[in-house]
């Protein structure tokens, strides 16, 4: 049976149930939380030719997947529905931070040897938590807005230009906000290493987007056909605080 795609101008899509939207939202939030729990605070390195060590944040290996999913959401469902997912992710980050604070603060049972390690892994300072949330909020909204506007400008052509272009802006803001706010002036984070991490984060995240472009094309094309919709944000309210659609 043939599958048809309806082009929708603006964000005033009639309320409807999409088959895959909720699953994509769940994947977005899961990757966001896991990358922040497991990899955000650990600096790693690669050895360059000549023996120089180049530092990067370990979370960069998986966190960019959330931006790719963000591209898929905006490209297929439009900015209004992507905005809803971003706010969902933001709320999940806030709850994760609150839960970690409560659990770490609880007194451990007598004789339990893991409190120190638990505090080291989950006891992020409020500085790190706030930096993470601010970077995510600014970066994700910038990514989604740039992609939605570029889609209108390009008439829906050259998908690669807007997925990569939006990532350059969004991931650049994310890296530039998070690492200086979270770690500047802390022991173990000299300024030169901090700037290496910022630059490498930006570069690696963008390269992830470039390398996964064929996958992004496949996923977006499949979703548009299966959902039967392709939204163009011609009359969209791009305020992060605007009305999001379900």
C-alpha atoms as a PDB file:
ATOM      1  CA  UNK A   1       0.000   0.000   0.000  1.00  0.00           C
ATOM      2  CA  UNK A   2       1.431   3.377  -1.010  1.00  0.00           C
ATOM      3  CA  UNK A   3       2.379   5.812   1.749  1.00  0.00           C
ATOM      4  CA  UNK A   4       1.754   9.524   1.209  1.00  0.00           C
ATOM      5  CA  UNK A   5       3.382  12.550   2.829  1.00  0.00           C
ATOM      6  CA  UNK A   6       1.302  15.643   3.550  1.00  0.00           C
ATOM      7  CA  UNK A   7       3.243  18.901   3.512  1.00  0.00           C
ATOM      8  CA  UNK A   8       1.993  21.149   6.323  1.00  0.00           C
ATOM      9  CA  UNK A   9       2.783  24.865   6.336  1.00  0.00           C
ATOM     10  CA  UNK A  10       3.225  26.423   9.758  1.00  0.00           C
ATOM     11  CA  UNK A  11       2.891  24.673  13.089  1.00  0.00           C
ATOM     12  CA  UNK A  12      -0.896  24.541  13.175  1.00  0.00           C
ATOM     13  CA  UNK A  13      -1.061  20.804  12.630  1.00  0.00           C
ATOM     14  CA  UNK A  14      -4.411  19.399  13.687  1.00  0.00           C
ATOM     15  CA  UNK A  15      -4.077  17.357  16.902  1.00  0.00           C
ATOM     16  CA  UNK A  16      -3.381  13.752  15.978  1.00  0.00           C
ATOM     17  CA  UNK A  17      -1.661  10.688  17.301  1.00  0.00           C
ATOM     18  CA  UNK A  18       1.693   9.947  15.717  1.00  0.00           C
ATOM     19  CA  UNK A  19       2.849   6.359  15.819  1.00  0.00           C
ATOM     20  CA  UNK A  20       6.498   7.016  16.626  1.00  0.00           C
ATOM     21  CA  UNK A  21       6.613  10.434  18.295  1.00  0.00           C
ATOM     22  CA  UNK A  22       6.393   9.106  21.865  1.00  0.00           C
ATOM     23  CA  UNK A  23       9.114   6.509  21.234  1.00  0.00           C
ATOM     24  CA  UNK A  24      11.439   9.176  19.854  1.00  0.00           C
ATOM     25  CA  UNK A  25      10.755  11.387  22.863  1.00  0.00           C
ATOM     26  CA  UNK A  26      11.605   8.499  25.195  1.00  0.00           C
ATOM     27  CA  UNK A  27      14.862   7.802  23.327  1.00  0.00           C
ATOM     28  CA  UNK A  28      15.795  11.484  23.482  1.00  0.00           C
ATOM     29  CA  UNK A  29      15.275  11.724  27.248  1.00  0.00           C
ATOM     30  CA  UNK A  30      17.022   8.408  27.946  1.00  0.00           C
ATOM     31  CA  UNK A  31      20.152   9.361  25.994  1.00  0.00           C
ATOM     32  CA  UNK A  32      20.162  12.820  27.572  1.00  0.00           C
ATOM     33  CA  UNK A  33      20.039  11.463  31.132  1.00  0.00           C
ATOM     34  CA  UNK A  34      22.499   8.624  30.596  1.00  0.00           C
ATOM     35  CA  UNK A  35      25.083  10.824  28.896  1.00  0.00           C
ATOM     36  CA  UNK A  36      24.868  13.317  31.771  1.00  0.00           C
ATOM     37  CA  UNK A  37      25.042  10.656  34.494  1.00  0.00           C
ATOM     38  CA  UNK A  38      27.820   8.546  33.013  1.00  0.00           C
ATOM     39  CA  UNK A  39      30.083  10.757  30.953  1.00  0.00           C
ATOM     40  CA  UNK A  40      29.722  14.472  31.550  1.00  0.00           C
ATOM     41  CA  UNK A  41      32.271  14.967  34.332  1.00  0.00           C
ATOM     42  CA  UNK A  42      35.035  12.652  33.090  1.00  0.00           C
ATOM     43  CA  UNK A  43      37.795  14.095  30.904  1.00  0.00           C
ATOM     44  CA  UNK A  44      39.545  11.564  28.681  1.00  0.00           C
ATOM     45  CA  UNK A  45      42.200  11.949  26.004  1.00  0.00           C
ATOM     46  CA  UNK A  46      43.595  10.656  22.736  1.00  0.00           C
ATOM     47  CA  UNK A  47      47.277  10.649  21.844  1.00  0.00           C
ATOM     48  CA  UNK A  48      47.990  12.642  18.701  1.00  0.00           C
ATOM     49  CA  UNK A  49      50.900  11.999  16.329  1.00  0.00           C
ATOM     50  CA  UNK A  50      53.991  13.274  18.098  1.00  0.00           C
ATOM     51  CA  UNK A  51      52.813  12.155  21.521  1.00  0.00           C
ATOM     52  CA  UNK A  52      50.615  15.137  22.421  1.00  0.00           C
ATOM     53  CA  UNK A  53      47.596  14.274  24.528  1.00  0.00           C
ATOM     54  CA  UNK A  54      44.337  15.940  23.414  1.00  0.00           C
ATOM     55  CA  UNK A  55      41.586  16.079  26.044  1.00  0.00           C
ATOM     56  CA  UNK A  56      37.875  15.621  25.473  1.00  0.00           C
ATOM     57  CA  UNK A  57      34.820  15.017  27.628  1.00  0.00           C
ATOM     58  CA  UNK A  58      33.878  11.340  27.730  1.00  0.00           C
ATOM     59  CA  UNK A  59      30.168  12.083  27.393  1.00  0.00           C
ATOM     60  CA  UNK A  60      30.756  13.373  23.872  1.00  0.00           C
ATOM     61  CA  UNK A  61      30.732   9.817  22.550  1.00  0.00           C
ATOM     62  CA  UNK A  62      26.986   9.460  23.135  1.00  0.00           C
ATOM     63  CA  UNK A  63      25.462  12.860  23.968  1.00  0.00           C
ATOM     64  CA  UNK A  64      25.409  14.025  20.295  1.00  0.00           C
ATOM     65  CA  UNK A  65      22.801  11.347  19.620  1.00  0.00           C
ATOM     66  CA  UNK A  66      20.306  13.536  21.472  1.00  0.00           C
ATOM     67  CA  UNK A  67      20.989  16.341  18.989  1.00  0.00           C
ATOM     68  CA  UNK A  68      20.489  13.977  16.061  1.00  0.00           C
ATOM     69  CA  UNK A  69      17.167  12.891  17.547  1.00  0.00           C
ATOM     70  CA  UNK A  70      16.354  16.584  17.990  1.00  0.00           C
ATOM     71  CA  UNK A  71      17.020  17.102  14.283  1.00  0.00           C
ATOM     72  CA  UNK A  72      14.670  14.241  13.449  1.00  0.00           C
ATOM     73  CA  UNK A  73      11.931  15.670  15.665  1.00  0.00           C
ATOM     74  CA  UNK A  74      12.118  19.160  14.186  1.00  0.00           C
ATOM     75  CA  UNK A  75      12.462  17.983  10.587  1.00  0.00           C
ATOM     76  CA  UNK A  76       9.527  15.555  10.732  1.00  0.00           C
ATOM     77  CA  UNK A  77       7.131  16.964  13.335  1.00  0.00           C
ATOM     78  CA  UNK A  78       8.018  20.661  13.393  1.00  0.00           C
ATOM     79  CA  UNK A  79       9.388  23.015  16.011  1.00  0.00           C
ATOM     80  CA  UNK A  80       6.288  23.090  18.230  1.00  0.00           C
ATOM     81  CA  UNK A  81       6.491  19.367  18.945  1.00  0.00           C
ATOM     82  CA  UNK A  82      10.278  19.461  19.252  1.00  0.00           C
ATOM     83  CA  UNK A  83       9.843  22.245  21.815  1.00  0.00           C
ATOM     84  CA  UNK A  84       7.659  19.925  23.902  1.00  0.00           C
ATOM     85  CA  UNK A  85      10.376  17.252  23.880  1.00  0.00           C
ATOM     86  CA  UNK A  86      13.094  19.750  24.838  1.00  0.00           C
ATOM     87  CA  UNK A  87      11.084  20.906  27.833  1.00  0.00           C
ATOM     88  CA  UNK A  88      10.451  17.267  28.776  1.00  0.00           C
ATOM     89  CA  UNK A  89      14.196  16.625  28.700  1.00  0.00           C
ATOM     90  CA  UNK A  90      14.820  19.758  30.743  1.00  0.00           C
ATOM     91  CA  UNK A  91      12.324  18.632  33.397  1.00  0.00           C
ATOM     92  CA  UNK A  92      13.925  15.171  33.463  1.00  0.00           C
ATOM     93  CA  UNK A  93      17.362  16.740  34.025  1.00  0.00           C
ATOM     94  CA  UNK A  94      15.983  18.827  36.888  1.00  0.00           C
ATOM     95  CA  UNK A  95      14.382  15.793  38.548  1.00  0.00           C
ATOM     96  CA  UNK A  96      17.558  13.746  38.073  1.00  0.00           C
ATOM     97  CA  UNK A  97      19.561  16.466  39.817  1.00  0.00           C
ATOM     98  CA  UNK A  98      17.062  16.653  42.687  1.00  0.00           C
ATOM     99  CA  UNK A  99      16.966  12.868  43.098  1.00  0.00           C
ATOM    100  CA  UNK A 100      20.767  12.619  43.084  1.00  0.00           C
ATOM    101  CA  UNK A 101      20.989  15.353  45.737  1.00  0.00           C
ATOM    102  CA  UNK A 102      18.461  13.611  48.004  1.00  0.00           C
ATOM    103  CA  UNK A 103      19.985  10.134  47.650  1.00  0.00           C
ATOM    104  CA  UNK A 104      23.560  11.334  48.194  1.00  0.00           C
ATOM    105  CA  UNK A 105      22.508  13.372  51.227  1.00  0.00           C
ATOM    106  CA  UNK A 106      20.787  10.437  52.952  1.00  0.00           C
ATOM    107  CA  UNK A 107      22.973   8.918  55.689  1.00  0.00           C
ATOM    108  CA  UNK A 108      24.342   5.533  54.621  1.00  0.00           C
ATOM    109  CA  UNK A 109      23.563   2.390  56.587  1.00  0.00           C
ATOM    110  CA  UNK A 110      26.150   1.529  59.199  1.00  0.00           C
ATOM    111  CA  UNK A 111      29.075  -0.325  57.650  1.00  0.00           C
ATOM    112  CA  UNK A 112      28.206   0.447  54.016  1.00  0.00           C
ATOM    113  CA  UNK A 113      31.532   1.194  52.268  1.00  0.00           C
ATOM    114  CA  UNK A 114      30.225   2.884  49.115  1.00  0.00           C
ATOM    115  CA  UNK A 115      29.269   6.381  50.293  1.00  0.00           C
ATOM    116  CA  UNK A 116      32.493   8.076  49.228  1.00  0.00           C
ATOM    117  CA  UNK A 117      32.382   6.524  45.757  1.00  0.00           C
ATOM    118  CA  UNK A 118      28.676   7.301  45.495  1.00  0.00           C
ATOM    119  CA  UNK A 119      29.301  10.954  46.328  1.00  0.00           C
ATOM    120  CA  UNK A 120      32.111  11.097  43.774  1.00  0.00           C
ATOM    121  CA  UNK A 121      29.932   9.716  40.976  1.00  0.00           C
ATOM    122  CA  UNK A 122      26.549  11.272  41.740  1.00  0.00           C
ATOM    123  CA  UNK A 123      27.358  14.169  44.020  1.00  0.00           C
ATOM    124  CA  UNK A 124      27.721  16.838  41.349  1.00  0.00           C
ATOM    125  CA  UNK A 125      27.829  20.364  42.672  1.00  0.00           C
ATOM    126  CA  UNK A 126      24.936  22.676  41.893  1.00  0.00           C
ATOM    127  CA  UNK A 127      27.374  24.567  39.679  1.00  0.00           C
ATOM    128  CA  UNK A 128      27.723  21.538  37.398  1.00  0.00           C
ATOM    129  CA  UNK A 129      24.005  20.806  37.491  1.00  0.00           C
ATOM    130  CA  UNK A 130      23.027  24.356  36.568  1.00  0.00           C
ATOM    131  CA  UNK A 131      25.694  24.520  33.869  1.00  0.00           C
ATOM    132  CA  UNK A 132      24.401  21.289  32.349  1.00  0.00           C
ATOM    133  CA  UNK A 133      20.808  22.474  32.335  1.00  0.00           C
ATOM    134  CA  UNK A 134      21.658  25.905  30.934  1.00  0.00           C
ATOM    135  CA  UNK A 135      23.832  24.415  28.181  1.00  0.00           C
ATOM    136  CA  UNK A 136      21.198  21.853  27.232  1.00  0.00           C
ATOM    137  CA  UNK A 137      18.401  24.426  27.141  1.00  0.00           C
ATOM    138  CA  UNK A 138      20.297  26.953  25.024  1.00  0.00           C
ATOM    139  CA  UNK A 139      21.915  24.411  22.722  1.00  0.00           C
ATOM    140  CA  UNK A 140      18.815  22.346  21.994  1.00  0.00           C
ATOM    141  CA  UNK A 141      16.576  25.308  21.296  1.00  0.00           C
ATOM    142  CA  UNK A 142      19.220  26.915  19.070  1.00  0.00           C
ATOM    143  CA  UNK A 143      19.630  23.637  17.184  1.00  0.00           C
ATOM    144  CA  UNK A 144      15.885  23.235  16.627  1.00  0.00           C
ATOM    145  CA  UNK A 145      15.242  26.853  15.637  1.00  0.00           C
ATOM    146  CA  UNK A 146      18.132  26.956  13.154  1.00  0.00           C
ATOM    147  CA  UNK A 147      17.062  23.691  11.533  1.00  0.00           C
ATOM    148  CA  UNK A 148      13.399  24.748  11.258  1.00  0.00           C
ATOM    149  CA  UNK A 149      14.279  28.111   9.711  1.00  0.00           C
ATOM    150  CA  UNK A 150      16.798  26.584   7.308  1.00  0.00           C
ATOM    151  CA  UNK A 151      14.174  24.060   6.180  1.00  0.00           C
ATOM    152  CA  UNK A 152      11.925  26.922   5.086  1.00  0.00           C
ATOM    153  CA  UNK A 153      14.813  28.814   3.466  1.00  0.00           C
ATOM    154  CA  UNK A 154      15.946  25.752   1.481  1.00  0.00           C
ATOM    155  CA  UNK A 155      12.430  24.665   0.563  1.00  0.00           C
ATOM    156  CA  UNK A 156      13.015  21.308   2.211  1.00  0.00           C
ATOM    157  CA  UNK A 157      16.060  20.526   0.054  1.00  0.00           C
ATOM    158  CA  UNK A 158      19.658  19.837   1.138  1.00  0.00           C
ATOM    159  CA  UNK A 159      18.775  18.185   4.431  1.00  0.00           C
ATOM    160  CA  UNK A 160      22.466  17.699   5.197  1.00  0.00           C
ATOM    161  CA  UNK A 161      23.054  21.465   5.227  1.00  0.00           C
ATOM    162  CA  UNK A 162      20.526  22.105   7.964  1.00  0.00           C
ATOM    163  CA  UNK A 163      21.314  19.074  10.119  1.00  0.00           C
ATOM    164  CA  UNK A 164      25.010  19.950  10.115  1.00  0.00           C
ATOM    165  CA  UNK A 165      24.461  23.719  10.242  1.00  0.00           C
ATOM    166  CA  UNK A 166      22.094  23.497  13.190  1.00  0.00           C
ATOM    167  CA  UNK A 167      24.535  21.195  14.994  1.00  0.00           C
ATOM    168  CA  UNK A 168      27.408  23.644  14.523  1.00  0.00           C
ATOM    169  CA  UNK A 169      25.324  26.337  16.246  1.00  0.00           C
ATOM    170  CA  UNK A 170      23.594  24.207  18.884  1.00  0.00           C
ATOM    171  CA  UNK A 171      26.551  22.054  19.915  1.00  0.00           C
ATOM    172  CA  UNK A 172      28.819  25.077  19.848  1.00  0.00           C
ATOM    173  CA  UNK A 173      26.585  26.862  22.356  1.00  0.00           C
ATOM    174  CA  UNK A 174      26.274  23.714  24.471  1.00  0.00           C
ATOM    175  CA  UNK A 175      30.028  23.199  24.776  1.00  0.00           C
ATOM    176  CA  UNK A 176      30.813  26.889  25.214  1.00  0.00           C
ATOM    177  CA  UNK A 177      28.297  27.226  28.044  1.00  0.00           C
ATOM    178  CA  UNK A 178      28.698  23.949  29.922  1.00  0.00           C
ATOM    179  CA  UNK A 179      32.425  23.445  30.432  1.00  0.00           C
ATOM    180  CA  UNK A 180      33.436  26.982  31.472  1.00  0.00           C
ATOM    181  CA  UNK A 181      30.416  27.327  33.763  1.00  0.00           C
ATOM    182  CA  UNK A 182      30.904  23.890  35.302  1.00  0.00           C
ATOM    183  CA  UNK A 183      34.656  23.541  35.656  1.00  0.00           C
ATOM    184  CA  UNK A 184      36.486  26.860  35.230  1.00  0.00           C
ATOM    185  CA  UNK A 185      38.796  27.451  38.184  1.00  0.00           C
ATOM    186  CA  UNK A 186      38.429  23.935  39.623  1.00  0.00           C
ATOM    187  CA  UNK A 187      41.397  21.726  40.494  1.00  0.00           C
ATOM    188  CA  UNK A 188      42.194  19.304  37.707  1.00  0.00           C
ATOM    189  CA  UNK A 189      40.795  21.632  35.051  1.00  0.00           C
ATOM    190  CA  UNK A 190      43.583  24.043  34.025  1.00  0.00           C
ATOM    191  CA  UNK A 191      42.402  26.718  31.540  1.00  0.00           C
ATOM    192  CA  UNK A 192      44.329  25.241  28.613  1.00  0.00           C
ATOM    193  CA  UNK A 193      42.771  21.792  29.165  1.00  0.00           C
ATOM    194  CA  UNK A 194      39.337  23.365  29.580  1.00  0.00           C
ATOM    195  CA  UNK A 195      39.589  25.136  26.220  1.00  0.00           C
ATOM    196  CA  UNK A 196      40.864  21.934  24.587  1.00  0.00           C
ATOM    197  CA  UNK A 197      37.795  20.126  25.874  1.00  0.00           C
ATOM    198  CA  UNK A 198      35.439  22.892  24.637  1.00  0.00           C
ATOM    199  CA  UNK A 199      36.948  22.866  21.143  1.00  0.00           C
ATOM    200  CA  UNK A 200      37.179  19.072  20.936  1.00  0.00           C
ATOM    201  CA  UNK A 201      33.603  18.683  22.186  1.00  0.00           C
ATOM    202  CA  UNK A 202      32.363  21.029  19.472  1.00  0.00           C
ATOM    203  CA  UNK A 203      34.430  19.332  16.769  1.00  0.00           C
ATOM    204  CA  UNK A 204      33.608  15.746  17.768  1.00  0.00           C
ATOM    205  CA  UNK A 205      29.875  16.462  18.128  1.00  0.00           C
ATOM    206  CA  UNK A 206      29.802  18.049  14.685  1.00  0.00           C
ATOM    207  CA  UNK A 207      31.748  15.147  13.176  1.00  0.00           C
ATOM    208  CA  UNK A 208      29.256  12.735  14.724  1.00  0.00           C
ATOM    209  CA  UNK A 209      26.505  14.572  12.879  1.00  0.00           C
ATOM    210  CA  UNK A 210      28.448  14.423   9.616  1.00  0.00           C
ATOM    211  CA  UNK A 211      29.229  10.708   9.950  1.00  0.00           C
ATOM    212  CA  UNK A 212      25.661   9.797  10.847  1.00  0.00           C
ATOM    213  CA  UNK A 213      24.100  11.891   8.081  1.00  0.00           C
ATOM    214  CA  UNK A 214      23.174   8.785   6.002  1.00  0.00           C
ATOM    215  CA  UNK A 215      21.435   7.319   9.058  1.00  0.00           C
ATOM    216  CA  UNK A 216      19.657  10.620   9.687  1.00  0.00           C
ATOM    217  CA  UNK A 217      18.430  10.665   6.073  1.00  0.00           C
ATOM    218  CA  UNK A 218      17.132   7.110   6.400  1.00  0.00           C
ATOM    219  CA  UNK A 219      15.346   7.725   9.706  1.00  0.00           C
ATOM    220  CA  UNK A 220      13.783  11.010   8.604  1.00  0.00           C
ATOM    221  CA  UNK A 221      12.635   9.614   5.267  1.00  0.00           C
ATOM    222  CA  UNK A 222      11.119   6.555   6.923  1.00  0.00           C
ATOM    223  CA  UNK A 223       9.314   8.578   9.594  1.00  0.00           C
ATOM    224  CA  UNK A 224       7.864  11.032   7.086  1.00  0.00           C
ATOM    225  CA  UNK A 225       6.438   8.173   5.063  1.00  0.00           C
ATOM    226  CA  UNK A 226       5.149   6.234   8.072  1.00  0.00           C
ATOM    227  CA  UNK A 227       3.662   9.280   9.803  1.00  0.00           C
ATOM    228  CA  UNK A 228       2.442  10.834   6.544  1.00  0.00           C
ATOM    229  CA  UNK A 229       3.443  14.366   7.509  1.00  0.00           C
ATOM    230  CA  UNK A 230       6.204  16.870   6.783  1.00  0.00           C
ATOM    231  CA  UNK A 231       5.970  20.140   8.729  1.00  0.00           C
ATOM    232  CA  UNK A 232       7.337  23.478   7.473  1.00  0.00           C
ATOM    233  CA  UNK A 233       7.506  26.137  10.194  1.00  0.00           C
ATOM    234  CA  UNK A 234       6.452  29.087   8.043  1.00  0.00           C
ATOM    235  CA  UNK A 235       4.236  30.782  10.636  1.00  0.00           C
ATOM    236  CA  UNK A 236       5.659  29.267  13.810  1.00  0.00           C
ATOM    237  CA  UNK A 237       6.128  31.053  17.107  1.00  0.00           C
ATOM    238  CA  UNK A 238       9.788  30.248  17.821  1.00  0.00           C
ATOM    239  CA  UNK A 239       9.707  31.385  21.433  1.00  0.00           C
ATOM    240  CA  UNK A 240      10.865  28.572  23.748  1.00  0.00           C
ATOM    241  CA  UNK A 241       7.903  29.534  25.939  1.00  0.00           C
ATOM    242  CA  UNK A 242       5.303  29.324  23.185  1.00  0.00           C
ATOM    243  CA  UNK A 243       2.482  26.809  23.054  1.00  0.00           C
ATOM    244  CA  UNK A 244       3.678  23.284  22.325  1.00  0.00           C
ATOM    245  CA  UNK A 245       1.452  20.828  20.518  1.00  0.00           C
ATOM    246  CA  UNK A 246       0.723  17.262  21.516  1.00  0.00           C
END
